[in-house]
Amino acid sequence: MKSNVLKIAVVVLLTLVLLYFFGRTVNWRDVPAQIADVSVPLFLLVIPLFVLNFVTRAVRWQVLVAREKIDVRFRNLVKANIVGFTVTFVFPGRLGELVKPLYLARKEGLRPGFAVGTVVVERLFDMATMCGLLGLFLISRPLFAASWPVGEEVGRQLTFLGIAGIVIGAAILAVILLLYFFRDRAFAVVGFVLKPLPEKARKTVLAFLGEFIDGLRFFRSWTQLGSYTVLSLIVWLGITLFYWVFFAAYHIHLPYFVVIPYVFLTAVGASIPTPGMVGGFHYFSKLGMTLLFGIEAGRAAGVTLVFHALQIAVTCALGYAILAREGLTLLQLKRMGESEKR
């Protein structure tokens, strides 16, 4: 009981701190006018582009789950993504990352451990893809320097960060492959490193590692690895397109690839385990707009609030519709995720 209270207190404090840094430089009297200054046709176009993200994620996920069951129904892959994000938007702790695979496992008769392992693989590929895209973007920055002018010293720092991004992305992929091809040795090394930990904690980590490697076994060939990597690129380029059109709806016209570092920052903010990504997404989104694009703080705050509200509204509307049709509640899904955490 005390540990739960402490966790809630930490989450609330973290959320409030991030919201403070998000709003401290904003003249809130100007924000309503900034929010209203929007192109309605482009704004409406953003909604199907956002929904398309669930479809591209489902296509990519299908490659992973096919090793366990090749005829998984595509609609269940889409619904699992929507339900997972709905839980993430409503509850703290990124609980939707567990609900998503467990929901699919129940609908399709998959092994829960295997389904959870595939989502771990997804997240690692997400990290690798975003680091790689950020790295390629920053290294190729001189090609569109006129569209994104920065000082010489900043340019050198960005190039360094670009190289670091590519190295990190390549390192993540290398670790994935090493774990797959040298499973037994990986278990031995991790077990040795974890010796100082209590036996229960050590067994939990090793079980998690086993589920992760189990999820990797879809790599039957380099072709499958390549196709999954391409699908990961499509997922994140689609997310970039969503934000690019959203910026255009608010009369912020940017070259498409200049949006990539902003997407990277929002992904970092969204990964902070606050309820509904509140605070983390807001702070890093505003930071990206003001730092990368020179957008005024009030406009950045207003656009960020609309970004976040639209994602929650569309996701939860679809998620609640799915749950109502299946006779489920969010609390049932929350308990499902919490039982797996234990």
C-alpha atoms as a PDB file:
ATOM      1  CA  MET A   1       0.000   0.000   0.000  1.00  0.00           C
ATOM      2  CA  LYS A   2       2.768   2.443   0.976  1.00  0.00           C
ATOM      3  CA  SER A   3       4.727   1.641  -2.163  1.00  0.00           C
ATOM      4  CA  ASN A   4       1.663   2.401  -4.323  1.00  0.00           C
ATOM      5  CA  VAL A   5       1.148   5.744  -2.572  1.00  0.00           C
ATOM      6  CA  LEU A   6       4.819   6.585  -3.107  1.00  0.00           C
ATOM      7  CA  LYS A   7       4.613   5.693  -6.813  1.00  0.00           C
ATOM      8  CA  ILE A   8       1.527   7.866  -7.273  1.00  0.00           C
ATOM      9  CA  ALA A   9       3.212  10.746  -5.438  1.00  0.00           C
ATOM     10  CA  VAL A  10       6.320  10.501  -7.633  1.00  0.00           C
ATOM     11  CA  VAL A  11       4.246  10.381 -10.833  1.00  0.00           C
ATOM     12  CA  VAL A  12       2.122  13.367  -9.781  1.00  0.00           C
ATOM     13  CA  LEU A  13       5.205  15.375  -8.791  1.00  0.00           C
ATOM     14  CA  LEU A  14       6.975  14.555 -12.065  1.00  0.00           C
ATOM     15  CA  THR A  15       3.886  15.550 -14.066  1.00  0.00           C
ATOM     16  CA  LEU A  16       3.545  18.865 -12.228  1.00  0.00           C
ATOM     17  CA  VAL A  17       7.241  19.696 -12.674  1.00  0.00           C
ATOM     18  CA  LEU A  18       7.077  19.025 -16.423  1.00  0.00           C
ATOM     19  CA  LEU A  19       3.872  21.063 -16.750  1.00  0.00           C
ATOM     20  CA  TYR A  20       5.541  23.919 -14.874  1.00  0.00           C
ATOM     21  CA  PHE A  21       8.454  24.001 -17.321  1.00  0.00           C
ATOM     22  CA  PHE A  22       5.977  23.711 -20.198  1.00  0.00           C
ATOM     23  CA  GLY A  23       3.931  26.716 -19.131  1.00  0.00           C
ATOM     24  CA  ARG A  24       6.317  29.042 -17.327  1.00  0.00           C
ATOM     25  CA  THR A  25       7.285  31.206 -20.349  1.00  0.00           C
ATOM     26  CA  VAL A  26       3.840  31.239 -21.970  1.00  0.00           C
ATOM     27  CA  ASN A  27       1.501  34.242 -22.093  1.00  0.00           C
ATOM     28  CA  TRP A  28      -1.688  32.219 -21.703  1.00  0.00           C
ATOM     29  CA  ARG A  29      -3.952  35.099 -22.746  1.00  0.00           C
ATOM     30  CA  ASP A  30      -2.654  34.731 -26.309  1.00  0.00           C
ATOM     31  CA  VAL A  31      -3.046  30.948 -26.495  1.00  0.00           C
ATOM     32  CA  PRO A  32      -6.789  30.750 -27.384  1.00  0.00           C
ATOM     33  CA  ALA A  33      -6.209  32.971 -30.430  1.00  0.00           C
ATOM     34  CA  GLN A  34      -3.245  30.812 -31.454  1.00  0.00           C
ATOM     35  CA  ILE A  35      -5.364  27.665 -31.187  1.00  0.00           C
ATOM     36  CA  ALA A  36      -8.172  29.190 -33.286  1.00  0.00           C
ATOM     37  CA  ASP A  37      -5.810  30.264 -36.094  1.00  0.00           C
ATOM     38  CA  VAL A  38      -6.070  27.011 -38.071  1.00  0.00           C
ATOM     39  CA  SER A  39      -6.835  25.810 -41.590  1.00  0.00           C
ATOM     40  CA  VAL A  40      -9.911  23.605 -41.101  1.00  0.00           C
ATOM     41  CA  PRO A  41      -9.453  21.420 -44.254  1.00  0.00           C
ATOM     42  CA  LEU A  42      -5.859  20.557 -43.310  1.00  0.00           C
ATOM     43  CA  PHE A  43      -6.886  19.993 -39.700  1.00  0.00           C
ATOM     44  CA  LEU A  44      -9.536  17.496 -40.819  1.00  0.00           C
ATOM     45  CA  LEU A  45      -6.941  15.749 -43.021  1.00  0.00           C
ATOM     46  CA  VAL A  46      -4.806  15.164 -39.925  1.00  0.00           C
ATOM     47  CA  ILE A  47      -7.408  12.826 -38.375  1.00  0.00           C
ATOM     48  CA  PRO A  48      -7.188  10.011 -40.992  1.00  0.00           C
ATOM     49  CA  LEU A  49      -3.404  10.440 -41.057  1.00  0.00           C
ATOM     50  CA  PHE A  50      -3.340   9.809 -37.315  1.00  0.00           C
ATOM     51  CA  VAL A  51      -5.587   6.738 -37.641  1.00  0.00           C
ATOM     52  CA  LEU A  52      -3.286   5.466 -40.408  1.00  0.00           C
ATOM     53  CA  ASN A  53      -0.567   5.121 -37.756  1.00  0.00           C
ATOM     54  CA  PHE A  54      -2.536   2.267 -36.140  1.00  0.00           C
ATOM     55  CA  VAL A  55      -2.717   0.517 -39.523  1.00  0.00           C
ATOM     56  CA  THR A  56       1.005   0.803 -40.320  1.00  0.00           C
ATOM     57  CA  ARG A  57       1.880  -0.412 -36.823  1.00  0.00           C
ATOM     58  CA  ALA A  58      -0.439  -3.398 -37.329  1.00  0.00           C
ATOM     59  CA  VAL A  59       1.217  -4.259 -40.676  1.00  0.00           C
ATOM     60  CA  ARG A  60       4.632  -4.193 -39.010  1.00  0.00           C
ATOM     61  CA  TRP A  61       3.469  -6.189 -35.982  1.00  0.00           C
ATOM     62  CA  GLN A  62       1.985  -8.867 -38.250  1.00  0.00           C
ATOM     63  CA  VAL A  63       5.516  -9.772 -39.373  1.00  0.00           C
ATOM     64  CA  LEU A  64       6.435 -10.612 -35.774  1.00  0.00           C
ATOM     65  CA  VAL A  65       3.351 -12.539 -34.699  1.00  0.00           C
ATOM     66  CA  ALA A  66       3.314 -14.624 -37.907  1.00  0.00           C
ATOM     67  CA  ARG A  67       5.962 -16.915 -36.425  1.00  0.00           C
ATOM     68  CA  GLU A  68       3.475 -18.015 -33.764  1.00  0.00           C
ATOM     69  CA  LYS A  69       0.304 -17.825 -35.860  1.00  0.00           C
ATOM     70  CA  ILE A  70       0.378 -16.955 -39.540  1.00  0.00           C
ATOM     71  CA  ASP A  71      -3.344 -16.283 -39.966  1.00  0.00           C
ATOM     72  CA  VAL A  72      -3.792 -13.671 -37.229  1.00  0.00           C
ATOM     73  CA  ARG A  73      -6.753 -11.479 -38.153  1.00  0.00           C
ATOM     74  CA  PHE A  74      -5.533  -8.057 -39.215  1.00  0.00           C
ATOM     75  CA  ARG A  75      -8.446  -6.247 -37.564  1.00  0.00           C
ATOM     76  CA  ASN A  76      -7.368  -7.667 -34.196  1.00  0.00           C
ATOM     77  CA  LEU A  77      -3.856  -6.311 -34.722  1.00  0.00           C
ATOM     78  CA  VAL A  78      -5.318  -2.855 -35.391  1.00  0.00           C
ATOM     79  CA  LYS A  79      -7.709  -3.085 -32.430  1.00  0.00           C
ATOM     80  CA  ALA A  80      -4.923  -4.216 -30.089  1.00  0.00           C
ATOM     81  CA  ASN A  81      -2.873  -1.152 -31.038  1.00  0.00           C
ATOM     82  CA  ILE A  82      -5.829   1.169 -30.464  1.00  0.00           C
ATOM     83  CA  VAL A  83      -6.770  -0.439 -27.141  1.00  0.00           C
ATOM     84  CA  GLY A  84      -3.145  -0.354 -25.965  1.00  0.00           C
ATOM     85  CA  PHE A  85      -2.778   3.350 -26.724  1.00  0.00           C
ATOM     86  CA  THR A  86      -6.144   4.065 -25.083  1.00  0.00           C
ATOM     87  CA  VAL A  87      -4.930   2.489 -21.834  1.00  0.00           C
ATOM     88  CA  THR A  88      -1.639   4.426 -22.108  1.00  0.00           C
ATOM     89  CA  PHE A  89      -3.541   7.701 -22.499  1.00  0.00           C
ATOM     90  CA  VAL A  90      -5.775   7.018 -19.486  1.00  0.00           C
ATOM     91  CA  PHE A  91      -3.419   5.352 -16.961  1.00  0.00           C
ATOM     92  CA  PRO A  92       0.191   6.123 -15.924  1.00  0.00           C
ATOM     93  CA  GLY A  93       3.184   3.840 -16.273  1.00  0.00           C
ATOM     94  CA  ARG A  94       2.875   3.005 -20.005  1.00  0.00           C
ATOM     95  CA  LEU A  95       0.549   0.152 -19.011  1.00  0.00           C
ATOM     96  CA  GLY A  96      -0.805   0.010 -22.552  1.00  0.00           C
ATOM     97  CA  GLU A  97       2.486  -1.539 -23.693  1.00  0.00           C
ATOM     98  CA  LEU A  98       1.470  -4.675 -21.763  1.00  0.00           C
ATOM     99  CA  VAL A  99      -2.256  -4.509 -22.489  1.00  0.00           C
ATOM    100  CA  LYS A 100      -1.683  -4.370 -26.245  1.00  0.00           C
ATOM    101  CA  PRO A 101       0.043  -7.801 -26.581  1.00  0.00           C
ATOM    102  CA  LEU A 102      -2.100  -9.445 -23.884  1.00  0.00           C
ATOM    103  CA  TYR A 103      -5.296  -8.300 -25.610  1.00  0.00           C
ATOM    104  CA  LEU A 104      -4.056  -9.795 -28.899  1.00  0.00           C
ATOM    105  CA  ALA A 105      -2.944 -12.975 -27.152  1.00  0.00           C
ATOM    106  CA  ARG A 106      -6.459 -13.524 -25.778  1.00  0.00           C
ATOM    107  CA  LYS A 107      -8.146 -12.708 -29.076  1.00  0.00           C
ATOM    108  CA  GLU A 108      -5.880 -14.931 -31.176  1.00  0.00           C
ATOM    109  CA  GLY A 109      -4.784 -17.668 -28.767  1.00  0.00           C
ATOM    110  CA  LEU A 110      -1.132 -16.607 -28.684  1.00  0.00           C
ATOM    111  CA  ARG A 111       1.236 -17.326 -25.825  1.00  0.00           C
ATOM    112  CA  PRO A 112       1.260 -14.197 -23.604  1.00  0.00           C
ATOM    113  CA  GLY A 113       5.035 -14.330 -23.113  1.00  0.00           C
ATOM    114  CA  PHE A 114       5.622 -14.481 -26.852  1.00  0.00           C
ATOM    115  CA  ALA A 115       3.198 -11.596 -27.519  1.00  0.00           C
ATOM    116  CA  VAL A 116       4.896  -9.414 -24.878  1.00  0.00           C
ATOM    117  CA  GLY A 117       8.285 -10.279 -26.398  1.00  0.00           C
ATOM    118  CA  THR A 118       7.200  -8.999 -29.812  1.00  0.00           C
ATOM    119  CA  VAL A 119       6.276  -5.611 -28.349  1.00  0.00           C
ATOM    120  CA  VAL A 120       9.702  -5.373 -26.686  1.00  0.00           C
ATOM    121  CA  VAL A 121      11.221  -6.001 -30.125  1.00  0.00           C
ATOM    122  CA  GLU A 122       8.964  -3.279 -31.567  1.00  0.00           C
ATOM    123  CA  ARG A 123      10.134  -0.715 -29.046  1.00  0.00           C
ATOM    124  CA  LEU A 124      13.804  -1.492 -29.634  1.00  0.00           C
ATOM    125  CA  PHE A 125      13.297  -1.118 -33.376  1.00  0.00           C
ATOM    126  CA  ASP A 126      11.443   2.148 -32.723  1.00  0.00           C
ATOM    127  CA  MET A 127      14.473   3.428 -30.818  1.00  0.00           C
ATOM    128  CA  ALA A 128      16.882   2.241 -33.500  1.00  0.00           C
ATOM    129  CA  THR A 129      14.775   3.707 -36.311  1.00  0.00           C
ATOM    130  CA  MET A 130      14.381   7.116 -34.682  1.00  0.00           C
ATOM    131  CA  CYS A 131      18.069   7.331 -33.772  1.00  0.00           C
ATOM    132  CA  GLY A 132      18.974   6.353 -37.333  1.00  0.00           C
ATOM    133  CA  LEU A 133      16.546   8.839 -38.916  1.00  0.00           C
ATOM    134  CA  LEU A 134      17.736  11.615 -36.620  1.00  0.00           C
ATOM    135  CA  GLY A 135      21.349  10.788 -37.435  1.00  0.00           C
ATOM    136  CA  LEU A 136      20.799  10.765 -41.210  1.00  0.00           C
ATOM    137  CA  PHE A 137      18.803  13.992 -40.982  1.00  0.00           C
ATOM    138  CA  LEU A 138      21.458  15.856 -39.015  1.00  0.00           C
ATOM    139  CA  ILE A 139      24.339  14.621 -41.158  1.00  0.00           C
ATOM    140  CA  SER A 140      22.518  15.641 -44.355  1.00  0.00           C
ATOM    141  CA  ARG A 141      21.538  19.029 -42.872  1.00  0.00           C
ATOM    142  CA  PRO A 142      23.869  20.976 -45.227  1.00  0.00           C
ATOM    143  CA  LEU A 143      21.616  19.905 -48.144  1.00  0.00           C
ATOM    144  CA  PHE A 144      18.752  22.001 -46.777  1.00  0.00           C
ATOM    145  CA  ALA A 145      20.691  24.517 -44.648  1.00  0.00           C
ATOM    146  CA  ALA A 146      18.812  27.408 -46.262  1.00  0.00           C
ATOM    147  CA  SER A 147      15.519  26.041 -44.931  1.00  0.00           C
ATOM    148  CA  TRP A 148      16.914  25.548 -41.427  1.00  0.00           C
ATOM    149  CA  PRO A 149      19.700  28.093 -40.804  1.00  0.00           C
ATOM    150  CA  VAL A 150      21.864  27.578 -37.717  1.00  0.00           C
ATOM    151  CA  GLY A 151      25.241  28.931 -36.642  1.00  0.00           C
ATOM    152  CA  GLU A 152      28.527  27.226 -37.531  1.00  0.00           C
ATOM    153  CA  GLU A 153      29.201  25.983 -33.990  1.00  0.00           C
ATOM    154  CA  VAL A 154      25.654  24.663 -33.632  1.00  0.00           C
ATOM    155  CA  GLY A 155      26.045  22.999 -37.028  1.00  0.00           C
ATOM    156  CA  ARG A 156      29.119  21.117 -35.830  1.00  0.00           C
ATOM    157  CA  GLN A 157      27.301  20.012 -32.687  1.00  0.00           C
ATOM    158  CA  LEU A 158      24.337  18.828 -34.732  1.00  0.00           C
ATOM    159  CA  THR A 159      26.620  16.841 -37.022  1.00  0.00           C
ATOM    160  CA  PHE A 160      28.189  15.187 -33.971  1.00  0.00           C
ATOM    161  CA  LEU A 161      24.727  14.344 -32.649  1.00  0.00           C
ATOM    162  CA  GLY A 162      23.825  12.944 -36.063  1.00  0.00           C
ATOM    163  CA  ILE A 163      26.798  10.604 -36.043  1.00  0.00           C
ATOM    164  CA  ALA A 164      25.956   9.603 -32.464  1.00  0.00           C
ATOM    165  CA  GLY A 165      22.361   8.872 -33.514  1.00  0.00           C
ATOM    166  CA  ILE A 166      23.480   6.550 -36.301  1.00  0.00           C
ATOM    167  CA  VAL A 167      25.948   4.798 -33.978  1.00  0.00           C
ATOM    168  CA  ILE A 168      23.277   4.306 -31.276  1.00  0.00           C
ATOM    169  CA  GLY A 169      20.772   2.993 -33.816  1.00  0.00           C
ATOM    170  CA  ALA A 170      23.328   0.590 -35.271  1.00  0.00           C
ATOM    171  CA  ALA A 171      24.350  -0.514 -31.758  1.00  0.00           C
ATOM    172  CA  ILE A 172      20.760  -1.347 -30.827  1.00  0.00           C
ATOM    173  CA  LEU A 173      20.357  -3.454 -33.966  1.00  0.00           C
ATOM    174  CA  ALA A 174      23.704  -5.144 -33.273  1.00  0.00           C
ATOM    175  CA  VAL A 175      22.619  -6.033 -29.710  1.00  0.00           C
ATOM    176  CA  ILE A 176      19.357  -7.460 -31.060  1.00  0.00           C
ATOM    177  CA  LEU A 177      21.195  -9.692 -33.515  1.00  0.00           C
ATOM    178  CA  LEU A 178      23.821 -10.786 -30.981  1.00  0.00           C
ATOM    179  CA  LEU A 179      21.111 -11.783 -28.508  1.00  0.00           C
ATOM    180  CA  TYR A 180      19.378 -13.778 -31.209  1.00  0.00           C
ATOM    181  CA  PHE A 181      22.394 -15.621 -32.571  1.00  0.00           C
ATOM    182  CA  PHE A 182      24.149 -16.138 -29.212  1.00  0.00           C
ATOM    183  CA  ARG A 183      21.164 -16.833 -26.933  1.00  0.00           C
ATOM    184  CA  ASP A 184      22.899 -19.200 -24.465  1.00  0.00           C
ATOM    185  CA  ARG A 185      25.960 -17.011 -24.091  1.00  0.00           C
ATOM    186  CA  ALA A 186      23.735 -13.945 -23.563  1.00  0.00           C
ATOM    187  CA  PHE A 187      21.918 -15.742 -20.733  1.00  0.00           C
ATOM    188  CA  ALA A 188      25.222 -16.721 -19.139  1.00  0.00           C
ATOM    189  CA  VAL A 189      26.624 -13.167 -19.304  1.00  0.00           C
ATOM    190  CA  VAL A 190      23.433 -11.542 -17.982  1.00  0.00           C
ATOM    191  CA  GLY A 191      23.153 -14.135 -15.212  1.00  0.00           C
ATOM    192  CA  PHE A 192      26.758 -13.410 -14.150  1.00  0.00           C
ATOM    193  CA  VAL A 193      26.171  -9.633 -14.143  1.00  0.00           C
ATOM    194  CA  LEU A 194      22.981 -10.035 -12.065  1.00  0.00           C
ATOM    195  CA  LYS A 195      24.542 -12.273  -9.395  1.00  0.00           C
ATOM    196  CA  PRO A 196      24.520  -9.524  -6.704  1.00  0.00           C
ATOM    197  CA  LEU A 197      20.720  -9.173  -7.074  1.00  0.00           C
ATOM    198  CA  PRO A 198      18.180 -11.221  -5.081  1.00  0.00           C
ATOM    199  CA  GLU A 199      17.245 -14.501  -6.724  1.00  0.00           C
ATOM    200  CA  LYS A 200      13.663 -13.401  -7.455  1.00  0.00           C
ATOM    201  CA  ALA A 201      14.814 -10.230  -9.242  1.00  0.00           C
ATOM    202  CA  ARG A 202      17.436 -12.188 -11.192  1.00  0.00           C
ATOM    203  CA  LYS A 203      14.876 -14.756 -12.338  1.00  0.00           C
ATOM    204  CA  THR A 204      12.482 -11.984 -13.396  1.00  0.00           C
ATOM    205  CA  VAL A 205      15.124 -10.314 -15.568  1.00  0.00           C
ATOM    206  CA  LEU A 206      16.194 -13.604 -17.134  1.00  0.00           C
ATOM    207  CA  ALA A 207      12.561 -14.522 -17.835  1.00  0.00           C
ATOM    208  CA  PHE A 208      12.054 -11.127 -19.483  1.00  0.00           C
ATOM    209  CA  LEU A 209      15.211 -11.654 -21.567  1.00  0.00           C
ATOM    210  CA  GLY A 210      13.922 -15.075 -22.627  1.00  0.00           C
ATOM    211  CA  GLU A 211      10.590 -13.585 -23.743  1.00  0.00           C
ATOM    212  CA  PHE A 212      12.427 -10.899 -25.678  1.00  0.00           C
ATOM    213  CA  ILE A 213      14.685 -13.355 -27.494  1.00  0.00           C
ATOM    214  CA  ASP A 214      11.652 -15.555 -28.135  1.00  0.00           C
ATOM    215  CA  GLY A 215      10.067 -12.600 -29.886  1.00  0.00           C
ATOM    216  CA  LEU A 216      13.182 -12.241 -32.044  1.00  0.00           C
ATOM    217  CA  ARG A 217      12.837 -15.678 -33.602  1.00  0.00           C
ATOM    218  CA  PHE A 218      10.803 -14.351 -36.494  1.00  0.00           C
ATOM    219  CA  PHE A 219      14.159 -13.495 -38.119  1.00  0.00           C
ATOM    220  CA  ARG A 220      14.365 -16.573 -40.297  1.00  0.00           C
ATOM    221  CA  SER A 221      16.294 -14.679 -42.972  1.00  0.00           C
ATOM    222  CA  TRP A 222      17.981 -11.391 -43.717  1.00  0.00           C
ATOM    223  CA  THR A 223      15.040 -10.613 -46.002  1.00  0.00           C
ATOM    224  CA  GLN A 224      12.645 -10.672 -43.052  1.00  0.00           C
ATOM    225  CA  LEU A 225      14.970  -8.462 -41.030  1.00  0.00           C
ATOM    226  CA  GLY A 226      15.193  -6.042 -43.948  1.00  0.00           C
ATOM    227  CA  SER A 227      11.428  -5.966 -44.513  1.00  0.00           C
ATOM    228  CA  TYR A 228      10.768  -5.288 -40.834  1.00  0.00           C
ATOM    229  CA  THR A 229      13.336  -2.484 -40.836  1.00  0.00           C
ATOM    230  CA  VAL A 230      11.633  -0.925 -43.879  1.00  0.00           C
ATOM    231  CA  LEU A 231       8.230  -1.194 -42.179  1.00  0.00           C
ATOM    232  CA  SER A 232       9.668   0.544 -39.097  1.00  0.00           C
ATOM    233  CA  LEU A 233      10.823   3.379 -41.342  1.00  0.00           C
ATOM    234  CA  ILE A 234       7.332   3.594 -42.864  1.00  0.00           C
ATOM    235  CA  VAL A 235       5.755   3.776 -39.390  1.00  0.00           C
ATOM    236  CA  TRP A 236       7.938   6.698 -38.318  1.00  0.00           C
ATOM    237  CA  LEU A 237       7.872   8.513 -41.633  1.00  0.00           C
ATOM    238  CA  GLY A 238       4.068   8.271 -41.397  1.00  0.00           C
ATOM    239  CA  ILE A 239       4.147   9.811 -37.913  1.00  0.00           C
ATOM    240  CA  THR A 240       6.387  12.564 -39.290  1.00  0.00           C
ATOM    241  CA  LEU A 241       3.842  13.163 -42.084  1.00  0.00           C
ATOM    242  CA  PHE A 242       1.073  13.517 -39.492  1.00  0.00           C
ATOM    243  CA  TYR A 243       2.984  16.234 -37.635  1.00  0.00           C
ATOM    244  CA  TRP A 244       4.092  17.942 -40.866  1.00  0.00           C
ATOM    245  CA  VAL A 245       0.480  18.318 -42.030  1.00  0.00           C
ATOM    246  CA  PHE A 246      -0.546  19.426 -38.543  1.00  0.00           C
ATOM    247  CA  PHE A 247       2.099  22.158 -38.613  1.00  0.00           C
ATOM    248  CA  ALA A 248       0.842  23.246 -42.038  1.00  0.00           C
ATOM    249  CA  ALA A 249      -2.711  23.427 -40.651  1.00  0.00           C
ATOM    250  CA  TYR A 250      -1.395  25.979 -38.158  1.00  0.00           C
ATOM    251  CA  HIS A 251       0.383  27.935 -40.924  1.00  0.00           C
ATOM    252  CA  ILE A 252       3.803  26.668 -39.809  1.00  0.00           C
ATOM    253  CA  HIS A 253       5.362  25.665 -43.116  1.00  0.00           C
ATOM    254  CA  LEU A 254       8.470  23.496 -42.764  1.00  0.00           C
ATOM    255  CA  PRO A 255      10.330  21.119 -45.072  1.00  0.00           C
ATOM    256  CA  TYR A 256       9.125  17.587 -44.360  1.00  0.00           C
ATOM    257  CA  PHE A 257      12.448  16.173 -43.107  1.00  0.00           C
ATOM    258  CA  VAL A 258      13.018  19.126 -40.760  1.00  0.00           C
ATOM    259  CA  VAL A 259      10.143  17.723 -38.655  1.00  0.00           C
ATOM    260  CA  ILE A 260      12.164  14.551 -37.838  1.00  0.00           C
ATOM    261  CA  PRO A 261      14.133  15.990 -34.867  1.00  0.00           C
ATOM    262  CA  TYR A 262      10.873  17.367 -33.454  1.00  0.00           C
ATOM    263  CA  VAL A 263       9.277  13.902 -33.684  1.00  0.00           C
ATOM    264  CA  PHE A 264      12.338  12.477 -31.910  1.00  0.00           C
ATOM    265  CA  LEU A 265      11.918  14.921 -29.023  1.00  0.00           C
ATOM    266  CA  THR A 266       8.174  14.240 -28.663  1.00  0.00           C
ATOM    267  CA  ALA A 267       8.913  10.494 -28.620  1.00  0.00           C
ATOM    268  CA  VAL A 268      11.340  11.085 -25.739  1.00  0.00           C
ATOM    269  CA  GLY A 269       8.704  13.104 -23.880  1.00  0.00           C
ATOM    270  CA  ALA A 270       5.966  10.532 -24.528  1.00  0.00           C
ATOM    271  CA  SER A 271       8.165   7.772 -23.078  1.00  0.00           C
ATOM    272  CA  ILE A 272       8.066   9.412 -19.618  1.00  0.00           C
ATOM    273  CA  PRO A 273       5.515   7.337 -17.636  1.00  0.00           C
ATOM    274  CA  THR A 274       3.064  10.103 -16.687  1.00  0.00           C
ATOM    275  CA  PRO A 275      -0.730   9.684 -17.027  1.00  0.00           C
ATOM    276  CA  GLY A 276      -1.723  10.158 -20.663  1.00  0.00           C
ATOM    277  CA  MET A 277       1.814  11.377 -21.484  1.00  0.00           C
ATOM    278  CA  VAL A 278       0.825  14.683 -19.834  1.00  0.00           C
ATOM    279  CA  GLY A 279       3.786  16.905 -19.045  1.00  0.00           C
ATOM    280  CA  GLY A 280       6.466  14.930 -20.840  1.00  0.00           C
ATOM    281  CA  PHE A 281       4.900  15.268 -24.284  1.00  0.00           C
ATOM    282  CA  HIS A 282       3.972  18.910 -23.628  1.00  0.00           C
ATOM    283  CA  TYR A 283       7.389  20.040 -22.424  1.00  0.00           C
ATOM    284  CA  PHE A 284       9.392  18.308 -25.142  1.00  0.00           C
ATOM    285  CA  SER A 285       6.959  19.350 -27.884  1.00  0.00           C
ATOM    286  CA  LYS A 286       7.182  23.001 -26.897  1.00  0.00           C
ATOM    287  CA  LEU A 287      10.959  22.691 -26.488  1.00  0.00           C
ATOM    288  CA  GLY A 288      11.255  21.280 -30.000  1.00  0.00           C
ATOM    289  CA  MET A 289       9.136  24.028 -31.577  1.00  0.00           C
ATOM    290  CA  THR A 290      10.896  26.901 -29.824  1.00  0.00           C
ATOM    291  CA  LEU A 291      14.425  25.507 -30.045  1.00  0.00           C
ATOM    292  CA  LEU A 292      14.391  23.924 -33.499  1.00  0.00           C
ATOM    293  CA  PHE A 293      11.987  26.174 -35.391  1.00  0.00           C
ATOM    294  CA  GLY A 294      12.086  29.457 -33.463  1.00  0.00           C
ATOM    295  CA  ILE A 295       8.319  29.400 -32.853  1.00  0.00           C
ATOM    296  CA  GLU A 296       7.050  31.794 -30.188  1.00  0.00           C
ATOM    297  CA  ALA A 297       6.312  30.109 -26.827  1.00  0.00           C
ATOM    298  CA  GLY A 298       2.579  30.875 -26.794  1.00  0.00           C
ATOM    299  CA  ARG A 299       2.059  29.520 -30.299  1.00  0.00           C
ATOM    300  CA  ALA A 300       4.145  26.434 -29.485  1.00  0.00           C
ATOM    301  CA  ALA A 301       2.081  25.816 -26.335  1.00  0.00           C
ATOM    302  CA  GLY A 302      -1.229  26.222 -28.161  1.00  0.00           C
ATOM    303  CA  VAL A 303      -0.275  23.884 -31.005  1.00  0.00           C
ATOM    304  CA  THR A 304       1.071  21.339 -28.501  1.00  0.00           C
ATOM    305  CA  LEU A 305      -2.200  21.348 -26.561  1.00  0.00           C
ATOM    306  CA  VAL A 306      -4.157  20.690 -29.770  1.00  0.00           C
ATOM    307  CA  PHE A 307      -1.694  17.967 -30.869  1.00  0.00           C
ATOM    308  CA  HIS A 308      -2.151  16.141 -27.584  1.00  0.00           C
ATOM    309  CA  ALA A 309      -5.902  16.664 -27.292  1.00  0.00           C
ATOM    310  CA  LEU A 310      -6.542  15.369 -30.817  1.00  0.00           C
ATOM    311  CA  GLN A 311      -4.475  12.226 -30.244  1.00  0.00           C
ATOM    312  CA  ILE A 312      -6.301  11.479 -26.994  1.00  0.00           C
ATOM    313  CA  ALA A 313      -9.755  12.236 -28.445  1.00  0.00           C
ATOM    314  CA  VAL A 314      -9.362  10.097 -31.585  1.00  0.00           C
ATOM    315  CA  THR A 315      -7.629   7.212 -29.798  1.00  0.00           C
ATOM    316  CA  CYS A 316     -10.050   7.067 -26.874  1.00  0.00           C
ATOM    317  CA  ALA A 317     -13.119   7.398 -29.120  1.00  0.00           C
ATOM    318  CA  LEU A 318     -11.971   4.407 -31.159  1.00  0.00           C
ATOM    319  CA  GLY A 319     -10.827   2.524 -28.040  1.00  0.00           C
ATOM    320  CA  TYR A 320     -14.083   3.030 -26.152  1.00  0.00           C
ATOM    321  CA  ALA A 321     -16.062   1.956 -29.231  1.00  0.00           C
ATOM    322  CA  ILE A 322     -14.057  -1.282 -29.442  1.00  0.00           C
ATOM    323  CA  LEU A 323     -14.436  -1.991 -25.711  1.00  0.00           C
ATOM    324  CA  ALA A 324     -18.182  -1.239 -25.744  1.00  0.00           C
ATOM    325  CA  ARG A 325     -18.686  -3.648 -28.623  1.00  0.00           C
ATOM    326  CA  GLU A 326     -16.753  -6.399 -26.832  1.00  0.00           C
ATOM    327  CA  GLY A 327     -18.259  -5.803 -23.390  1.00  0.00           C
ATOM    328  CA  LEU A 328     -14.945  -4.858 -21.792  1.00  0.00           C
ATOM    329  CA  THR A 329     -13.979  -1.957 -19.516  1.00  0.00           C
ATOM    330  CA  LEU A 330     -10.747  -0.014 -19.102  1.00  0.00           C
ATOM    331  CA  LEU A 331     -10.447  -1.270 -15.526  1.00  0.00           C
ATOM    332  CA  GLN A 332     -10.497  -4.871 -16.790  1.00  0.00           C
ATOM    333  CA  LEU A 333      -7.692  -4.036 -19.208  1.00  0.00           C
ATOM    334  CA  LYS A 334      -5.787  -2.245 -16.454  1.00  0.00           C
ATOM    335  CA  ARG A 335      -5.993  -5.345 -14.249  1.00  0.00           C
ATOM    336  CA  MET A 336      -4.843  -7.453 -17.193  1.00  0.00           C
ATOM    337  CA  GLY A 337      -1.686  -5.364 -17.576  1.00  0.00           C
ATOM    338  CA  GLU A 338      -1.021  -5.192 -13.841  1.00  0.00           C
ATOM    339  CA  SER A 339      -1.297  -8.971 -13.485  1.00  0.00           C
ATOM    340  CA  GLU A 340       1.439  -9.398 -16.109  1.00  0.00           C
ATOM    341  CA  LYS A 341       3.659  -6.893 -14.278  1.00  0.00           C
ATOM    342  CA  ARG A 342       3.542  -9.099 -11.202  1.00  0.00           C
END
